[in-house]
Amino acid sequence: MTDHQPAPVTVLGLGSMGSALARAFLAAGHPTTVWNRTPSKAAPLVAEGARHTTAVDDAVAASPLVIACLTGYDDTRAVLESTTASWAGRVLVTLNSGTPTGARGMAAWAAEQGIRFLDGAVKDVPDAVGKAGTLLYYAGDPEGFAEHAATLRALGGDTVLLGDEPDLAKFYESAVGATLLPALVGFFAGAAAARNRGIPASELVPYSVRWLTMIGEILPLFAAEIDARDYSAGASSVDLFLTGADWDLEFARDAGIDDAWLRPLHDLIRRAGAAGHGPDSIAALTEVIRVP
């Protein structure tokens, strides 16, 4: 295909993310075939120019690139196991939720069927799909990625192949995503304290964003300490955080919020101290969390 003839693409699964993927392909000029178990979900996309088919065989046969955005790997496999369409010359990309174990299992199944396979992750919300700064990363067949990289960039300008190990996208998604819930719970706890004091949660947002930006700036320093397993130069020590633990609990009592979410974190800090990391960087918590 030339730059003036965008490649056809198929999208299986039309939830909020699947629909966003299909719209991004349509906006970039790709002939887009869509399939969903509930056919009515395809109607808005058909109005925007998509071709709808009720048969999975027809959907697979329609395009050299098939994007599956279903609930999980088991769901994806259940749908694809029923197809008799030839996968010769085609690449399957899964953009569903799941785990590295699930991705490895999906890759093994695809290999048994002779399917060229990429697994991926959309690192943003559906509304961001198709934008220049949106990150998607993939893992698996490098030749398949190279062949369809231009098409995949319609979903986000920051499109990365992590490597040929098929579980890498889900590994990165899980490892990076581990930051999300603790950060959000921290914000929610602060917001609960603010509401108890009559301060709108919205007033915390600019300062929370600045705080998260600062954390982002020091992550490379922590990463270097972790990779070297040398925590001796850390300015923010385990002992410093251990001292602050009592202040965290005092603030929670004073602000009228539940401190239960803090206690497992304080337990990690105490364990690090007991292991001799008291004067070391707080990044030494990695050694407590890591199971050899």
Protein backbone atom coordinates (compact mmCIF):
# COMPACT_ATOMS: atom_id res chain seq x y z
CA MET A 1 0.00 0.00 0.00
CA THR A 2 1.19 3.55 -0.74
CA ASP A 3 0.70 6.57 1.45
CA HIS A 4 -2.31 7.39 -0.75
CA GLN A 5 -3.92 3.98 -0.24
CA PRO A 6 -4.30 3.35 3.51
CA ALA A 7 -4.37 -0.36 4.29
CA PRO A 8 -7.63 -2.08 5.24
CA VAL A 9 -8.02 -3.03 8.88
CA THR A 10 -10.51 -5.06 10.91
CA VAL A 11 -11.57 -4.33 14.50
CA LEU A 12 -13.18 -7.09 16.55
CA GLY A 13 -14.98 -5.83 19.66
CA LEU A 14 -16.76 -2.50 19.84
CA GLY A 15 -16.75 -1.50 23.48
CA SER A 16 -15.60 2.00 24.32
CA MET A 17 -11.96 1.27 23.44
CA GLY A 18 -12.71 -0.88 20.38
CA SER A 19 -15.01 1.81 18.99
CA ALA A 20 -12.31 4.42 19.59
CA LEU A 21 -9.80 2.27 17.68
CA ALA A 22 -12.17 1.89 14.74
CA ARG A 23 -12.85 5.65 14.66
CA ALA A 24 -9.14 6.41 14.63
CA PHE A 25 -8.61 4.12 11.65
CA LEU A 26 -11.56 5.68 9.84
CA ALA A 27 -10.26 9.19 10.56
CA ALA A 28 -6.91 8.19 9.05
CA GLY A 29 -8.62 6.95 5.89
CA HIS A 30 -8.25 3.19 6.45
CA PRO A 31 -11.06 1.02 5.06
CA THR A 32 -12.33 -0.41 8.34
CA THR A 33 -14.37 -3.56 8.89
CA VAL A 34 -15.97 -4.01 12.30
CA TRP A 35 -17.50 -6.94 14.15
CA ASN A 36 -19.19 -7.23 17.53
CA ARG A 37 -21.27 -9.90 19.23
CA THR A 38 -24.00 -7.31 19.71
CA PRO A 39 -24.45 -6.04 16.13
CA SER A 40 -26.29 -2.87 17.14
CA LYS A 41 -23.05 -1.44 18.56
CA ALA A 42 -21.71 -1.21 15.03
CA ALA A 43 -24.41 1.21 13.83
CA PRO A 44 -22.66 4.48 14.83
CA LEU A 45 -19.45 3.32 13.14
CA VAL A 46 -21.28 2.27 9.97
CA ALA A 47 -22.73 5.80 9.86
CA GLU A 48 -19.14 7.07 9.97
CA GLY A 49 -18.03 4.87 7.08
CA ALA A 50 -17.17 1.47 8.57
CA ARG A 51 -18.18 -1.81 6.97
CA HIS A 52 -20.02 -4.09 9.38
CA THR A 53 -20.13 -7.85 9.16
CA THR A 54 -21.91 -10.24 11.49
CA ALA A 55 -19.58 -13.14 10.61
CA VAL A 56 -16.13 -13.40 12.20
CA ASP A 57 -14.87 -15.25 9.11
CA ASP A 58 -15.78 -12.28 6.90
CA ALA A 59 -14.23 -9.83 9.35
CA VAL A 60 -10.91 -11.69 9.40
CA ALA A 61 -10.88 -12.17 5.64
CA ALA A 62 -11.48 -8.47 5.02
CA SER A 63 -8.09 -7.14 6.12
CA PRO A 64 -4.39 -7.99 6.43
CA LEU A 65 -4.42 -6.49 9.95
CA VAL A 66 -6.94 -7.76 12.51
CA ILE A 67 -7.24 -5.88 15.81
CA ALA A 68 -9.01 -7.75 18.62
CA CYS A 69 -10.21 -5.56 21.48
CA LEU A 70 -12.34 -7.96 23.48
CA THR A 71 -12.59 -8.46 27.24
CA GLY A 72 -9.54 -10.69 27.66
CA TYR A 73 -7.49 -13.45 26.06
CA ASP A 74 -9.98 -16.22 26.85
CA ASP A 75 -12.73 -14.16 25.23
CA THR A 76 -10.56 -13.42 22.19
CA ARG A 77 -9.60 -17.04 21.72
CA ALA A 78 -13.22 -18.18 22.07
CA VAL A 79 -14.22 -15.83 19.25
CA LEU A 80 -11.32 -16.69 16.95
CA GLU A 81 -11.47 -20.45 17.49
CA SER A 82 -14.74 -20.47 15.56
CA THR A 83 -13.30 -18.89 12.41
CA THR A 84 -12.31 -20.91 9.38
CA ALA A 85 -10.88 -17.91 7.53
CA SER A 86 -7.28 -18.22 6.35
CA TRP A 87 -4.70 -16.26 8.36
CA ALA A 88 -2.12 -16.44 5.57
CA GLY A 89 -0.63 -12.99 5.04
CA ARG A 90 -2.47 -11.58 8.05
CA VAL A 91 -1.37 -10.29 11.47
CA LEU A 92 -3.45 -10.50 14.64
CA VAL A 93 -3.03 -7.76 17.25
CA THR A 94 -4.66 -8.11 20.68
CA LEU A 95 -5.39 -4.89 22.55
CA ASN A 96 -7.32 -6.36 25.48
CA SER A 97 -6.70 -6.34 29.21
CA GLY A 98 -4.82 -9.23 30.77
CA THR A 99 -1.59 -10.51 32.25
CA PRO A 100 1.81 -11.58 30.89
CA THR A 101 0.77 -15.20 31.49
CA GLY A 102 -2.33 -14.65 29.39
CA ALA A 103 -0.30 -13.04 26.61
CA ARG A 104 2.09 -16.00 26.52
CA GLY A 105 -0.84 -18.38 26.30
CA MET A 106 -2.40 -16.36 23.48
CA ALA A 107 0.89 -16.30 21.61
CA ALA A 108 1.25 -20.07 21.94
CA TRP A 109 -2.28 -20.60 20.63
CA ALA A 110 -1.66 -18.23 17.72
CA ALA A 111 1.55 -20.07 16.85
CA GLU A 112 -0.34 -23.37 16.80
CA GLN A 113 -2.78 -21.85 14.30
CA GLY A 114 0.00 -20.37 12.18
CA ILE A 115 -1.11 -16.83 13.07
CA ARG A 116 1.43 -14.00 13.14
CA PHE A 117 0.84 -12.30 16.48
CA LEU A 118 1.37 -9.00 18.25
CA ASP A 119 0.07 -8.13 21.69
CA GLY A 120 -0.31 -4.50 22.67
CA ALA A 121 -1.53 -2.00 25.21
CA VAL A 122 -3.17 1.40 24.84
CA LYS A 123 -1.67 3.59 27.55
CA ASP A 124 -4.43 6.16 27.65
CA VAL A 125 -8.21 6.60 27.73
CA PRO A 126 -10.42 5.95 24.67
CA ASP A 127 -10.81 9.66 23.95
CA ALA A 128 -7.04 9.93 23.46
CA VAL A 129 -6.86 7.22 20.77
CA GLY A 130 -5.66 8.66 17.48
CA LYS A 131 -3.84 11.63 18.97
CA ALA A 132 -0.19 12.41 18.26
CA GLY A 133 0.95 12.06 21.87
CA THR A 134 -0.92 8.85 22.72
CA LEU A 135 1.30 5.91 23.64
CA LEU A 136 0.72 2.36 22.49
CA TYR A 137 3.29 -0.35 22.89
CA TYR A 138 3.48 -3.76 21.31
CA ALA A 139 5.39 -7.03 21.62
CA GLY A 140 5.72 -10.06 19.41
CA ASP A 141 6.35 -10.55 15.71
CA PRO A 142 8.83 -7.81 14.68
CA GLU A 143 8.22 -8.36 10.97
CA GLY A 144 4.49 -8.03 11.47
CA PHE A 145 5.04 -4.82 13.41
CA ALA A 146 7.29 -3.36 10.72
CA GLU A 147 4.78 -4.30 8.05
CA HIS A 148 1.88 -2.56 9.78
CA ALA A 149 3.62 0.18 11.80
CA ALA A 150 2.22 2.96 9.62
CA THR A 151 -1.33 1.65 10.10
CA LEU A 152 -0.88 1.18 13.84
CA ARG A 153 0.33 4.78 14.19
CA ALA A 154 -3.20 5.87 13.33
CA LEU A 155 -4.04 4.82 16.90
CA GLY A 156 -1.37 7.01 18.51
CA GLY A 157 1.72 8.88 17.44
CA ASP A 158 3.90 7.30 20.12
CA THR A 159 3.95 3.70 18.86
CA VAL A 160 6.67 1.41 20.20
CA LEU A 161 7.74 -2.22 19.73
CA LEU A 162 9.17 -3.39 23.06
CA GLY A 163 10.64 -6.62 21.69
CA ASP A 164 9.83 -10.01 20.24
CA GLU A 165 8.87 -11.66 23.55
CA PRO A 166 5.06 -11.72 23.24
CA ASP A 167 4.33 -10.96 26.90
CA LEU A 168 6.40 -7.77 27.11
CA ALA A 169 3.52 -5.36 26.47
CA LYS A 170 1.48 -6.86 29.28
CA PHE A 171 4.55 -7.04 31.51
CA TYR A 172 5.20 -3.33 31.03
CA GLU A 173 1.51 -2.55 31.43
CA SER A 174 1.41 -4.37 34.78
CA ALA A 175 4.77 -3.09 36.03
CA VAL A 176 4.11 0.54 35.08
CA GLY A 177 0.45 0.31 36.05
CA ALA A 178 1.41 -0.67 39.60
CA THR A 179 1.88 3.06 40.20
CA LEU A 180 -1.72 3.95 39.42
CA LEU A 181 -3.80 2.70 42.34
CA PRO A 182 -1.42 3.83 45.14
CA ALA A 183 -1.16 7.28 43.57
CA LEU A 184 -4.93 7.58 43.16
CA VAL A 185 -5.65 6.33 46.69
CA GLY A 186 -3.17 8.89 48.02
CA PHE A 187 -5.04 11.64 46.17
CA PHE A 188 -8.42 10.32 47.33
CA ALA A 189 -7.22 10.27 50.96
CA GLY A 190 -6.07 13.87 50.64
CA ALA A 191 -9.35 14.80 49.00
CA ALA A 192 -11.29 13.15 51.86
CA ALA A 193 -9.28 15.20 54.37
CA ALA A 194 -9.92 18.36 52.36
CA ARG A 195 -13.68 17.73 52.20
CA ASN A 196 -13.78 17.17 55.95
CA ARG A 197 -12.21 20.59 56.34
CA GLY A 198 -14.58 22.24 53.88
CA ILE A 199 -11.96 22.58 51.13
CA PRO A 200 -13.05 21.46 47.63
CA ALA A 201 -10.97 18.58 46.25
CA SER A 202 -10.52 20.63 43.08
CA GLU A 203 -8.34 23.08 45.00
CA LEU A 204 -5.80 20.30 45.63
CA VAL A 205 -5.40 19.43 41.96
CA PRO A 206 -2.76 21.99 40.86
CA TYR A 207 -0.57 21.15 43.85
CA SER A 208 -1.05 17.39 43.41
CA VAL A 209 -0.03 17.70 39.76
CA ARG A 210 3.11 19.59 40.77
CA TRP A 211 3.87 16.86 43.31
CA LEU A 212 3.44 14.12 40.72
CA THR A 213 5.68 16.06 38.34
CA MET A 214 8.38 16.19 41.00
CA ILE A 215 8.05 12.44 41.54
CA GLY A 216 8.46 11.93 37.79
CA GLU A 217 11.66 13.97 37.85
CA ILE A 218 13.29 11.84 40.54
CA LEU A 219 12.32 8.44 39.17
CA PRO A 220 15.47 8.21 36.99
CA LEU A 221 17.60 8.65 40.12
CA PHE A 222 15.73 5.89 41.93
CA ALA A 223 15.95 3.64 38.86
CA ALA A 224 19.72 4.12 38.71
CA GLU A 225 20.01 3.15 42.40
CA ILE A 226 17.86 0.07 41.87
CA ASP A 227 19.76 -1.07 38.77
CA ALA A 228 23.08 -0.65 40.59
CA ARG A 229 21.66 -2.07 43.85
CA ASP A 230 23.48 0.79 45.55
CA TYR A 231 21.22 2.80 47.85
CA SER A 232 23.92 4.44 49.92
CA ALA A 233 23.72 7.91 48.35
CA GLY A 234 19.99 8.41 48.79
CA ALA A 235 18.94 11.73 50.28
CA SER A 236 15.46 10.48 51.17
CA SER A 237 16.29 7.66 53.54
CA VAL A 238 14.21 4.79 54.86
CA ASP A 239 14.70 6.22 58.37
CA LEU A 240 13.28 9.56 57.22
CA PHE A 241 10.14 7.88 55.92
CA LEU A 242 9.92 5.78 59.08
CA THR A 243 9.90 8.94 61.19
CA GLY A 244 7.22 10.37 58.92
CA ALA A 245 5.00 7.32 59.38
CA ASP A 246 3.83 8.51 62.81
CA TRP A 247 3.08 11.93 61.36
CA ASP A 248 1.02 10.31 58.58
CA LEU A 249 -1.11 8.56 61.19
CA GLU A 250 -1.47 11.71 63.29
CA PHE A 251 -2.62 13.64 60.22
CA ALA A 252 -5.17 10.92 59.39
CA ARG A 253 -6.62 11.04 62.93
CA ASP A 254 -6.70 14.83 62.93
CA ALA A 255 -8.29 15.00 59.45
CA GLY A 256 -10.86 12.30 60.18
CA ILE A 257 -9.82 9.82 57.48
CA ASP A 258 -9.19 6.07 57.53
CA ASP A 259 -5.49 5.27 57.84
CA ALA A 260 -5.81 1.58 56.87
CA TRP A 261 -4.35 2.18 53.41
CA LEU A 262 -1.15 3.56 54.94
CA ARG A 263 -0.35 0.66 57.24
CA PRO A 264 0.91 -1.83 54.61
CA LEU A 265 3.21 0.92 53.28
CA HIS A 266 4.54 1.61 56.77
CA ASP A 267 5.08 -2.12 57.22
CA LEU A 268 7.32 -2.18 54.12
CA ILE A 269 9.34 0.74 55.51
CA ARG A 270 9.76 -1.01 58.87
CA ARG A 271 10.85 -4.22 57.14
CA ALA A 272 13.43 -2.29 55.13
CA GLY A 273 14.77 -0.74 58.32
CA ALA A 274 14.94 -4.11 60.02
CA ALA A 275 16.92 -5.44 57.04
CA GLY A 276 19.58 -2.78 57.63
CA HIS A 277 18.43 -0.23 55.06
CA GLY A 278 17.60 2.52 57.56
CA PRO A 279 20.21 5.02 56.29
CA ASP A 280 19.73 3.97 52.66
CA SER A 281 17.58 5.54 49.97
CA ILE A 282 13.87 4.81 50.13
CA ALA A 283 14.43 3.02 46.80
CA ALA A 284 15.79 0.16 48.94
CA LEU A 285 12.15 -0.83 49.46
CA THR A 286 12.63 -2.58 46.11
CA GLU A 287 14.78 -5.16 47.88
CA VAL A 288 11.98 -5.82 50.40
CA ILE A 289 9.30 -6.13 47.75
CA ARG A 290 11.37 -8.28 45.42
CA VAL A 291 11.07 -12.02 45.94
CA PRO A 292 14.30 -13.67 44.66
